[in-house]
Amino acid sequence: PGRHPAPFRRLVAREPHAAHVEGEAPVRHINGHHLARASVEGGAAGDLVIDCAAGITIIAKAALPDGTVITPSEMAQYSADGVRRLATEIGGATTAVVPLGLAKLSALVVGGITYRDVDALVMAEMPPVGDGVIGILGLDLLSRSRSVSLPYPKQGETGTMRVGASGSKGAAAVVPLTIVDSRAYCAATVNDAKAVLIVDSGSPITILDPRMAKSAGIVADRPSKDARGIGSGSAALRTGTAGTISLGGWVARDAAVRVGSLPLFARFQGPVSVGVLGN
């Protein structure tokens, strides 16, 4: 496949899933994460983190049915010296980790939503988001629906995630998304500076590259906790305030942001600065 961006609304279910997935699931918003109760058919039940910045769905080994075959997952590296086969890595914002392999799930049930014939990466352990987390619901399954609506209930309360052909009514703004390399991006303006933000429902915070913070006139002079991703790595951050973050017709004012040099940002060398749009 090429690397050309495609509008999110055109990223429809891929074969063999000709029909779009529709349904609803109760979602809790805890410590900046969306958690939905789910179960692996024949395996365990627990919480999934809803993460539109994860390109593929991930399941903990302990949640798999007994006897599940885990196939080694590889990627090809092409160079002048030929082709090398390397173990697949899950690229988080702070570091990359190597999964145990790939497993085929007959069904993954999330509330009233059923995903069938799921290829999931398997990890020995999940990141310490919270007790009872058995996996991460990624963009590969979310994109089997034309639209995904995520709720933002108060801490500890429950909202409803809806997937289907159309989104929830009464949205504050309609923001076109572009999918590149299994990540969703949107155009934004931070203060008066143009930016491209990775839409990351798996991140509790919004993080800006130092180059973006500088162009937007943001001074990050307050300490912050380090950012930790799916692996054990971390990145030092500082806290600042963005006067405005504009997405379509919606504007956030006096928004707290973190500024830091994530390894993820080093992949982007274009003229427009990047950042992570968190919950």
C-alpha atoms as a PDB file:
ATOM      1  CA  PRO A   1       0.000   0.000   0.000  1.00  0.00           C
ATOM      2  CA  GLY A   2       1.090   3.544  -0.686  1.00  0.00           C
ATOM      3  CA  ARG A   3       1.583   6.272   1.888  1.00  0.00           C
ATOM      4  CA  HIS A   4      -1.020   8.633   0.499  1.00  0.00           C
ATOM      5  CA  PRO A   5      -3.359  10.042   3.171  1.00  0.00           C
ATOM      6  CA  ALA A   6      -7.033   9.153   2.918  1.00  0.00           C
ATOM      7  CA  PRO A   7      -9.922  10.988   4.591  1.00  0.00           C
ATOM      8  CA  PHE A   8     -11.093   9.178   7.720  1.00  0.00           C
ATOM      9  CA  ARG A   9     -14.669   9.072   6.454  1.00  0.00           C
ATOM     10  CA  ARG A  10     -13.502   6.969   3.501  1.00  0.00           C
ATOM     11  CA  LEU A  11     -11.666   4.451   5.659  1.00  0.00           C
ATOM     12  CA  VAL A  12     -14.465   1.898   5.497  1.00  0.00           C
ATOM     13  CA  ALA A  13     -14.474  -1.721   6.602  1.00  0.00           C
ATOM     14  CA  ARG A  14     -11.973  -3.794   4.676  1.00  0.00           C
ATOM     15  CA  GLU A  15     -12.517  -7.273   3.224  1.00  0.00           C
ATOM     16  CA  PRO A  16     -13.582  -9.746   4.427  1.00  0.00           C
ATOM     17  CA  HIS A  17     -15.698  -7.379   6.548  1.00  0.00           C
ATOM     18  CA  ALA A  18     -18.018  -6.030   3.864  1.00  0.00           C
ATOM     19  CA  ALA A  19     -20.638  -4.895   6.383  1.00  0.00           C
ATOM     20  CA  HIS A  20     -19.919  -2.037   8.741  1.00  0.00           C
ATOM     21  CA  VAL A  21     -19.826  -2.771  12.435  1.00  0.00           C
ATOM     22  CA  GLU A  22     -22.506  -0.976  14.437  1.00  0.00           C
ATOM     23  CA  GLY A  23     -23.395  -0.896  18.106  1.00  0.00           C
ATOM     24  CA  GLU A  24     -22.942   0.798  21.463  1.00  0.00           C
ATOM     25  CA  ALA A  25     -20.778   0.180  24.498  1.00  0.00           C
ATOM     26  CA  PRO A  26     -20.675   1.730  27.988  1.00  0.00           C
ATOM     27  CA  VAL A  27     -17.429   3.649  28.466  1.00  0.00           C
ATOM     28  CA  ARG A  28     -15.857   5.038  31.639  1.00  0.00           C
ATOM     29  CA  HIS A  29     -13.440   7.964  31.537  1.00  0.00           C
ATOM     30  CA  ILE A  30     -10.877   7.283  34.280  1.00  0.00           C
ATOM     31  CA  ASN A  31      -7.586   9.163  34.736  1.00  0.00           C
ATOM     32  CA  GLY A  32      -7.783  10.439  31.172  1.00  0.00           C
ATOM     33  CA  HIS A  33      -8.404   7.031  29.572  1.00  0.00           C
ATOM     34  CA  HIS A  34     -11.503   5.581  27.927  1.00  0.00           C
ATOM     35  CA  LEU A  35     -12.180   2.125  29.373  1.00  0.00           C
ATOM     36  CA  ALA A  36     -14.805  -0.242  27.996  1.00  0.00           C
ATOM     37  CA  ARG A  37     -15.743  -3.626  29.404  1.00  0.00           C
ATOM     38  CA  ALA A  38     -14.941  -6.363  26.893  1.00  0.00           C
ATOM     39  CA  SER A  39     -14.460 -10.104  26.565  1.00  0.00           C
ATOM     40  CA  VAL A  40     -12.462 -12.374  24.291  1.00  0.00           C
ATOM     41  CA  GLU A  41     -14.671 -15.190  22.992  1.00  0.00           C
ATOM     42  CA  GLY A  42     -13.588 -18.296  24.863  1.00  0.00           C
ATOM     43  CA  GLY A  43     -11.148 -16.268  26.933  1.00  0.00           C
ATOM     44  CA  ALA A  44     -11.172 -13.677  29.692  1.00  0.00           C
ATOM     45  CA  ALA A  45     -13.137 -10.489  30.322  1.00  0.00           C
ATOM     46  CA  GLY A  46     -11.749  -7.141  31.395  1.00  0.00           C
ATOM     47  CA  ASP A  47     -11.290  -3.543  30.300  1.00  0.00           C
ATOM     48  CA  LEU A  48     -10.034  -2.328  26.934  1.00  0.00           C
ATOM     49  CA  VAL A  49      -8.416   1.079  26.461  1.00  0.00           C
ATOM     50  CA  ILE A  50     -10.049   2.793  23.457  1.00  0.00           C
ATOM     51  CA  ASP A  51      -7.047   4.153  21.561  1.00  0.00           C
ATOM     52  CA  CYS A  52      -7.471   5.616  18.065  1.00  0.00           C
ATOM     53  CA  ALA A  53      -3.693   6.202  17.912  1.00  0.00           C
ATOM     54  CA  ALA A  54      -2.993   2.462  18.177  1.00  0.00           C
ATOM     55  CA  GLY A  55      -2.787   1.062  14.673  1.00  0.00           C
ATOM     56  CA  ILE A  56      -3.620  -2.489  15.732  1.00  0.00           C
ATOM     57  CA  THR A  57      -5.580  -4.057  18.564  1.00  0.00           C
ATOM     58  CA  ILE A  58      -3.518  -5.550  21.403  1.00  0.00           C
ATOM     59  CA  ILE A  59      -4.537  -8.309  23.831  1.00  0.00           C
ATOM     60  CA  ALA A  60      -2.788  -9.588  26.946  1.00  0.00           C
ATOM     61  CA  LYS A  61      -1.706 -13.210  26.724  1.00  0.00           C
ATOM     62  CA  ALA A  62      -3.592 -14.056  29.918  1.00  0.00           C
ATOM     63  CA  ALA A  63      -6.887 -13.074  28.249  1.00  0.00           C
ATOM     64  CA  LEU A  64      -6.559 -15.523  25.353  1.00  0.00           C
ATOM     65  CA  PRO A  65      -8.472 -18.825  25.229  1.00  0.00           C
ATOM     66  CA  ASP A  66      -6.471 -21.882  26.231  1.00  0.00           C
ATOM     67  CA  GLY A  67      -4.545 -23.315  23.310  1.00  0.00           C
ATOM     68  CA  THR A  68      -4.516 -20.103  21.254  1.00  0.00           C
ATOM     69  CA  VAL A  69      -1.713 -20.220  18.705  1.00  0.00           C
ATOM     70  CA  ILE A  70       0.586 -17.187  18.806  1.00  0.00           C
ATOM     71  CA  THR A  71       2.364 -16.729  15.483  1.00  0.00           C
ATOM     72  CA  PRO A  72       5.662 -14.795  15.411  1.00  0.00           C
ATOM     73  CA  SER A  73       5.090 -11.405  13.822  1.00  0.00           C
ATOM     74  CA  GLU A  74       7.729 -10.008  11.492  1.00  0.00           C
ATOM     75  CA  MET A  75       8.361  -6.913   9.433  1.00  0.00           C
ATOM     76  CA  ALA A  76      10.652  -6.475   6.437  1.00  0.00           C
ATOM     77  CA  GLN A  77      13.488  -3.932   6.338  1.00  0.00           C
ATOM     78  CA  TYR A  78      14.617  -3.022   2.814  1.00  0.00           C
ATOM     79  CA  SER A  79      18.050  -1.554   2.115  1.00  0.00           C
ATOM     80  CA  ALA A  80      20.877  -1.679  -0.388  1.00  0.00           C
ATOM     81  CA  ASP A  81      22.130  -4.759   1.448  1.00  0.00           C
ATOM     82  CA  GLY A  82      18.920  -6.651   0.804  1.00  0.00           C
ATOM     83  CA  VAL A  83      15.884  -7.581   2.865  1.00  0.00           C
ATOM     84  CA  ARG A  84      16.085  -8.293   6.598  1.00  0.00           C
ATOM     85  CA  ARG A  85      13.327  -9.908   8.634  1.00  0.00           C
ATOM     86  CA  LEU A  86      12.887  -8.202  11.991  1.00  0.00           C
ATOM     87  CA  ALA A  87      10.543  -8.778  14.894  1.00  0.00           C
ATOM     88  CA  THR A  88       7.518  -6.487  14.711  1.00  0.00           C
ATOM     89  CA  GLU A  89       7.619  -3.570  17.122  1.00  0.00           C
ATOM     90  CA  ILE A  90       4.705  -1.656  18.604  1.00  0.00           C
ATOM     91  CA  GLY A  91       5.706   1.977  18.230  1.00  0.00           C
ATOM     92  CA  GLY A  92       4.512   4.042  21.164  1.00  0.00           C
ATOM     93  CA  ALA A  93       5.080   7.746  21.710  1.00  0.00           C
ATOM     94  CA  THR A  94       8.005   7.190  24.076  1.00  0.00           C
ATOM     95  CA  THR A  95       9.461   3.843  23.061  1.00  0.00           C
ATOM     96  CA  ALA A  96       8.819   0.681  21.064  1.00  0.00           C
ATOM     97  CA  VAL A  97       8.163  -2.783  22.446  1.00  0.00           C
ATOM     98  CA  VAL A  98       8.262  -6.230  20.854  1.00  0.00           C
ATOM     99  CA  PRO A  99       5.036  -8.260  21.198  1.00  0.00           C
ATOM    100  CA  LEU A 100       4.912 -12.029  21.649  1.00  0.00           C
ATOM    101  CA  GLY A 101       3.308 -12.405  18.246  1.00  0.00           C
ATOM    102  CA  LEU A 102      -0.030 -12.403  16.452  1.00  0.00           C
ATOM    103  CA  ALA A 103      -3.184 -14.288  17.461  1.00  0.00           C
ATOM    104  CA  LYS A 104      -6.463 -14.877  15.649  1.00  0.00           C
ATOM    105  CA  LEU A 105      -9.547 -14.217  17.779  1.00  0.00           C
ATOM    106  CA  SER A 106     -12.911 -15.546  16.647  1.00  0.00           C
ATOM    107  CA  ALA A 107     -14.648 -12.615  18.343  1.00  0.00           C
ATOM    108  CA  LEU A 108     -13.944  -9.659  20.597  1.00  0.00           C
ATOM    109  CA  VAL A 109     -17.083  -8.315  22.281  1.00  0.00           C
ATOM    110  CA  VAL A 110     -17.053  -4.711  23.551  1.00  0.00           C
ATOM    111  CA  GLY A 111     -20.341  -3.936  25.276  1.00  0.00           C
ATOM    112  CA  GLY A 112     -22.945  -4.352  22.538  1.00  0.00           C
ATOM    113  CA  ILE A 113     -20.334  -4.259  19.755  1.00  0.00           C
ATOM    114  CA  THR A 114     -18.956  -7.502  18.299  1.00  0.00           C
ATOM    115  CA  TYR A 115     -15.773  -7.623  16.209  1.00  0.00           C
ATOM    116  CA  ARG A 116     -15.230 -10.950  14.435  1.00  0.00           C
ATOM    117  CA  ASP A 117     -12.114 -12.519  12.918  1.00  0.00           C
ATOM    118  CA  VAL A 118      -9.720 -10.276  14.805  1.00  0.00           C
ATOM    119  CA  ASP A 119      -5.960 -10.330  14.260  1.00  0.00           C
ATOM    120  CA  ALA A 120      -4.491  -9.026  17.514  1.00  0.00           C
ATOM    121  CA  LEU A 121      -0.961  -8.499  18.695  1.00  0.00           C
ATOM    122  CA  VAL A 122      -0.261 -10.311  21.945  1.00  0.00           C
ATOM    123  CA  MET A 123       1.702  -8.860  24.843  1.00  0.00           C
ATOM    124  CA  ALA A 124       2.933 -10.610  27.958  1.00  0.00           C
ATOM    125  CA  GLU A 125       1.731  -7.687  30.081  1.00  0.00           C
ATOM    126  CA  MET A 126      -0.307  -4.552  29.528  1.00  0.00           C
ATOM    127  CA  PRO A 127       0.839  -1.041  30.508  1.00  0.00           C
ATOM    128  CA  PRO A 128      -0.193  -0.001  34.033  1.00  0.00           C
ATOM    129  CA  VAL A 129      -3.233   2.041  33.010  1.00  0.00           C
ATOM    130  CA  GLY A 130      -5.413   0.425  35.658  1.00  0.00           C
ATOM    131  CA  ASP A 131      -6.437  -2.856  37.225  1.00  0.00           C
ATOM    132  CA  GLY A 132      -8.226  -5.323  34.986  1.00  0.00           C
ATOM    133  CA  VAL A 133      -7.015  -3.945  31.630  1.00  0.00           C
ATOM    134  CA  ILE A 134      -6.720  -6.827  29.157  1.00  0.00           C
ATOM    135  CA  GLY A 135      -5.944  -4.915  25.985  1.00  0.00           C
ATOM    136  CA  ILE A 136      -6.139  -1.910  23.687  1.00  0.00           C
ATOM    137  CA  LEU A 137      -8.860  -1.448  21.073  1.00  0.00           C
ATOM    138  CA  GLY A 138      -7.045   0.026  18.080  1.00  0.00           C
ATOM    139  CA  LEU A 139      -7.805   1.809  14.848  1.00  0.00           C
ATOM    140  CA  ASP A 140      -7.851  -1.455  12.893  1.00  0.00           C
ATOM    141  CA  LEU A 141     -11.156  -2.394  14.528  1.00  0.00           C
ATOM    142  CA  LEU A 142     -12.522   1.095  15.054  1.00  0.00           C
ATOM    143  CA  SER A 143     -12.164   1.701  11.306  1.00  0.00           C
ATOM    144  CA  ARG A 144     -14.573  -1.122  10.550  1.00  0.00           C
ATOM    145  CA  SER A 145     -17.201   1.555  11.188  1.00  0.00           C
ATOM    146  CA  ARG A 146     -17.561   4.780   9.246  1.00  0.00           C
ATOM    147  CA  SER A 147     -17.974   6.745  12.444  1.00  0.00           C
ATOM    148  CA  VAL A 148     -16.842   6.431  16.063  1.00  0.00           C
ATOM    149  CA  SER A 149     -18.274   8.694  18.791  1.00  0.00           C
ATOM    150  CA  LEU A 150     -16.483   8.762  22.144  1.00  0.00           C
ATOM    151  CA  PRO A 151     -18.104  10.187  25.287  1.00  0.00           C
ATOM    152  CA  TYR A 152     -16.361  12.270  27.956  1.00  0.00           C
ATOM    153  CA  PRO A 153     -18.311  11.562  31.144  1.00  0.00           C
ATOM    154  CA  LYS A 154     -17.140  12.820  34.510  1.00  0.00           C
ATOM    155  CA  GLN A 155     -14.492  10.821  36.342  1.00  0.00           C
ATOM    156  CA  GLY A 156     -15.943   7.463  37.349  1.00  0.00           C
ATOM    157  CA  GLU A 157     -19.244   7.961  35.515  1.00  0.00           C
ATOM    158  CA  THR A 158     -20.356   6.092  32.396  1.00  0.00           C
ATOM    159  CA  GLY A 159     -21.075   7.324  28.884  1.00  0.00           C
ATOM    160  CA  THR A 160     -21.854   5.588  25.602  1.00  0.00           C
ATOM    161  CA  MET A 161     -19.468   4.906  22.731  1.00  0.00           C
ATOM    162  CA  ARG A 162     -21.279   4.562  19.431  1.00  0.00           C
ATOM    163  CA  VAL A 163     -19.904   3.040  16.225  1.00  0.00           C
ATOM    164  CA  GLY A 164     -21.793   2.914  12.961  1.00  0.00           C
ATOM    165  CA  ALA A 165     -22.556   4.720   9.747  1.00  0.00           C
ATOM    166  CA  SER A 166     -22.988   8.187  11.245  1.00  0.00           C
ATOM    167  CA  GLY A 167     -21.793  10.074  14.298  1.00  0.00           C
ATOM    168  CA  SER A 168     -23.656  11.507  17.253  1.00  0.00           C
ATOM    169  CA  LYS A 169     -25.768  14.580  16.590  1.00  0.00           C
ATOM    170  CA  GLY A 170     -24.952  17.960  18.048  1.00  0.00           C
ATOM    171  CA  ALA A 171     -21.164  17.741  17.703  1.00  0.00           C
ATOM    172  CA  ALA A 172     -19.260  20.846  18.762  1.00  0.00           C
ATOM    173  CA  ALA A 173     -17.197  20.759  15.562  1.00  0.00           C
ATOM    174  CA  VAL A 174     -16.577  18.622  12.526  1.00  0.00           C
ATOM    175  CA  VAL A 175     -12.850  18.072  12.040  1.00  0.00           C
ATOM    176  CA  PRO A 176     -11.598  16.171   8.964  1.00  0.00           C
ATOM    177  CA  LEU A 177      -9.101  13.439   9.859  1.00  0.00           C
ATOM    178  CA  THR A 178      -6.405  11.909   7.690  1.00  0.00           C
ATOM    179  CA  ILE A 179      -5.016   8.395   8.166  1.00  0.00           C
ATOM    180  CA  VAL A 180      -1.287   7.933   7.530  1.00  0.00           C
ATOM    181  CA  ASP A 181       0.645   4.859   8.715  1.00  0.00           C
ATOM    182  CA  SER A 182      -2.252   3.744  10.935  1.00  0.00           C
ATOM    183  CA  ARG A 183      -2.526   7.052  12.788  1.00  0.00           C
ATOM    184  CA  ALA A 184      -5.254   9.688  12.630  1.00  0.00           C
ATOM    185  CA  TYR A 185      -4.186  13.317  12.121  1.00  0.00           C
ATOM    186  CA  CYS A 186      -6.033  16.612  12.087  1.00  0.00           C
ATOM    187  CA  ALA A 187      -5.083  20.147  11.150  1.00  0.00           C
ATOM    188  CA  ALA A 188      -5.148  22.635  14.005  1.00  0.00           C
ATOM    189  CA  THR A 189      -4.011  26.094  15.034  1.00  0.00           C
ATOM    190  CA  VAL A 190      -2.158  26.548  18.317  1.00  0.00           C
ATOM    191  CA  ASN A 191      -2.318  30.268  19.152  1.00  0.00           C
ATOM    192  CA  ASP A 192      -1.541  31.615  15.668  1.00  0.00           C
ATOM    193  CA  ALA A 193       0.719  28.747  14.551  1.00  0.00           C
ATOM    194  CA  LYS A 194      -0.427  26.040  12.155  1.00  0.00           C
ATOM    195  CA  ALA A 195       0.004  22.510  13.448  1.00  0.00           C
ATOM    196  CA  VAL A 196      -0.726  18.876  12.694  1.00  0.00           C
ATOM    197  CA  LEU A 197      -1.973  16.903  15.696  1.00  0.00           C
ATOM    198  CA  ILE A 198      -2.060  13.153  16.157  1.00  0.00           C
ATOM    199  CA  VAL A 199      -5.530  12.374  17.506  1.00  0.00           C
ATOM    200  CA  ASP A 200      -4.807  10.125  20.489  1.00  0.00           C
ATOM    201  CA  SER A 201      -7.704   8.965  22.647  1.00  0.00           C
ATOM    202  CA  GLY A 202      -5.173   6.786  24.483  1.00  0.00           C
ATOM    203  CA  SER A 203      -3.291   9.810  25.836  1.00  0.00           C
ATOM    204  CA  PRO A 204      -4.663  11.680  28.859  1.00  0.00           C
ATOM    205  CA  ILE A 205      -2.670  14.813  27.946  1.00  0.00           C
ATOM    206  CA  THR A 206      -1.892  17.020  24.956  1.00  0.00           C
ATOM    207  CA  ILE A 207       1.814  17.146  24.113  1.00  0.00           C
ATOM    208  CA  LEU A 208       3.545  19.586  21.770  1.00  0.00           C
ATOM    209  CA  ASP A 209       6.910  19.302  20.112  1.00  0.00           C
ATOM    210  CA  PRO A 210       9.295  22.046  21.374  1.00  0.00           C
ATOM    211  CA  ARG A 211       9.425  23.430  17.836  1.00  0.00           C
ATOM    212  CA  MET A 212       5.657  23.881  17.875  1.00  0.00           C
ATOM    213  CA  ALA A 213       5.703  25.463  21.322  1.00  0.00           C
ATOM    214  CA  LYS A 214       8.302  27.954  20.150  1.00  0.00           C
ATOM    215  CA  SER A 215       6.384  28.905  16.987  1.00  0.00           C
ATOM    216  CA  ALA A 216       3.208  29.302  19.062  1.00  0.00           C
ATOM    217  CA  GLY A 217       4.959  31.446  21.669  1.00  0.00           C
ATOM    218  CA  ILE A 218       4.305  28.969  24.487  1.00  0.00           C
ATOM    219  CA  VAL A 219       6.701  29.079  27.429  1.00  0.00           C
ATOM    220  CA  ALA A 220       6.772  25.719  29.203  1.00  0.00           C
ATOM    221  CA  ASP A 221       8.418  26.608  32.493  1.00  0.00           C
ATOM    222  CA  ARG A 222       6.488  24.431  34.939  1.00  0.00           C
ATOM    223  CA  PRO A 223       7.496  20.855  35.846  1.00  0.00           C
ATOM    224  CA  SER A 224       5.358  17.910  34.770  1.00  0.00           C
ATOM    225  CA  LYS A 225       5.324  14.173  35.206  1.00  0.00           C
ATOM    226  CA  ASP A 226       7.243  12.258  32.566  1.00  0.00           C
ATOM    227  CA  ALA A 227       5.227  10.792  29.700  1.00  0.00           C
ATOM    228  CA  ARG A 228       5.035   6.995  29.694  1.00  0.00           C
ATOM    229  CA  GLY A 229       3.789   4.982  26.750  1.00  0.00           C
ATOM    230  CA  ILE A 230       3.089   1.328  26.109  1.00  0.00           C
ATOM    231  CA  GLY A 231       6.672   0.348  26.863  1.00  0.00           C
ATOM    232  CA  SER A 232       8.920   1.056  29.824  1.00  0.00           C
ATOM    233  CA  GLY A 233      10.448   4.201  28.335  1.00  0.00           C
ATOM    234  CA  SER A 234       9.593   7.739  29.358  1.00  0.00           C
ATOM    235  CA  ALA A 235      10.125  11.290  28.112  1.00  0.00           C
ATOM    236  CA  ALA A 236      10.654  14.442  30.177  1.00  0.00           C
ATOM    237  CA  LEU A 237       7.936  17.068  29.807  1.00  0.00           C
ATOM    238  CA  ARG A 238       7.319  20.630  30.958  1.00  0.00           C
ATOM    239  CA  THR A 239       3.919  22.287  31.371  1.00  0.00           C
ATOM    240  CA  GLY A 240       2.770  25.452  29.634  1.00  0.00           C
ATOM    241  CA  THR A 241      -0.468  27.104  28.528  1.00  0.00           C
ATOM    242  CA  ALA A 242      -1.828  27.515  25.015  1.00  0.00           C
ATOM    243  CA  GLY A 243      -3.977  30.633  24.676  1.00  0.00           C
ATOM    244  CA  THR A 244      -6.089  28.863  22.044  1.00  0.00           C
ATOM    245  CA  ILE A 245      -6.170  25.506  20.301  1.00  0.00           C
ATOM    246  CA  SER A 246      -8.520  25.640  17.319  1.00  0.00           C
ATOM    247  CA  LEU A 247     -10.006  22.551  15.662  1.00  0.00           C
ATOM    248  CA  GLY A 248     -12.510  23.356  12.956  1.00  0.00           C
ATOM    249  CA  GLY A 249     -15.103  25.588  14.581  1.00  0.00           C
ATOM    250  CA  TRP A 250     -14.204  24.532  18.129  1.00  0.00           C
ATOM    251  CA  VAL A 251     -11.726  26.474  20.270  1.00  0.00           C
ATOM    252  CA  ALA A 252     -10.136  25.492  23.578  1.00  0.00           C
ATOM    253  CA  ARG A 253      -8.914  28.487  25.560  1.00  0.00           C
ATOM    254  CA  ASP A 254      -6.137  28.630  28.154  1.00  0.00           C
ATOM    255  CA  ALA A 255      -5.453  24.934  27.636  1.00  0.00           C
ATOM    256  CA  ALA A 256      -2.751  23.241  29.696  1.00  0.00           C
ATOM    257  CA  VAL A 257      -0.252  21.508  27.410  1.00  0.00           C
ATOM    258  CA  ARG A 258       2.943  19.568  27.922  1.00  0.00           C
ATOM    259  CA  VAL A 259       6.043  20.224  25.870  1.00  0.00           C
ATOM    260  CA  GLY A 260       8.744  17.668  25.215  1.00  0.00           C
ATOM    261  CA  SER A 261      10.845  15.868  22.614  1.00  0.00           C
ATOM    262  CA  LEU A 262       9.045  12.550  22.192  1.00  0.00           C
ATOM    263  CA  PRO A 263      10.832   9.964  20.029  1.00  0.00           C
ATOM    264  CA  LEU A 264       7.617   9.899  17.977  1.00  0.00           C
ATOM    265  CA  PHE A 265       8.130  13.541  16.976  1.00  0.00           C
ATOM    266  CA  ALA A 266      11.579  12.826  15.543  1.00  0.00           C
ATOM    267  CA  ARG A 267       9.920  10.984  12.643  1.00  0.00           C
ATOM    268  CA  PHE A 268       8.361  14.203  11.359  1.00  0.00           C
ATOM    269  CA  GLN A 269      10.687  16.536   9.489  1.00  0.00           C
ATOM    270  CA  GLY A 270       8.196  18.626   7.523  1.00  0.00           C
ATOM    271  CA  PRO A 271       7.628  22.384   7.702  1.00  0.00           C
ATOM    272  CA  VAL A 272       4.546  22.086   9.951  1.00  0.00           C
ATOM    273  CA  SER A 273       5.047  21.302  13.628  1.00  0.00           C
ATOM    274  CA  VAL A 274       3.415  18.281  15.240  1.00  0.00           C
ATOM    275  CA  GLY A 275       1.836  17.351  18.531  1.00  0.00           C
ATOM    276  CA  VAL A 276      -0.416  14.832  20.251  1.00  0.00           C
ATOM    277  CA  LEU A 277      -4.057  15.817  20.831  1.00  0.00           C
ATOM    278  CA  GLY A 278      -4.975  13.985  24.038  1.00  0.00           C
ATOM    279  CA  ASN A 279      -8.164  13.593  26.009  1.00  0.00           C
END
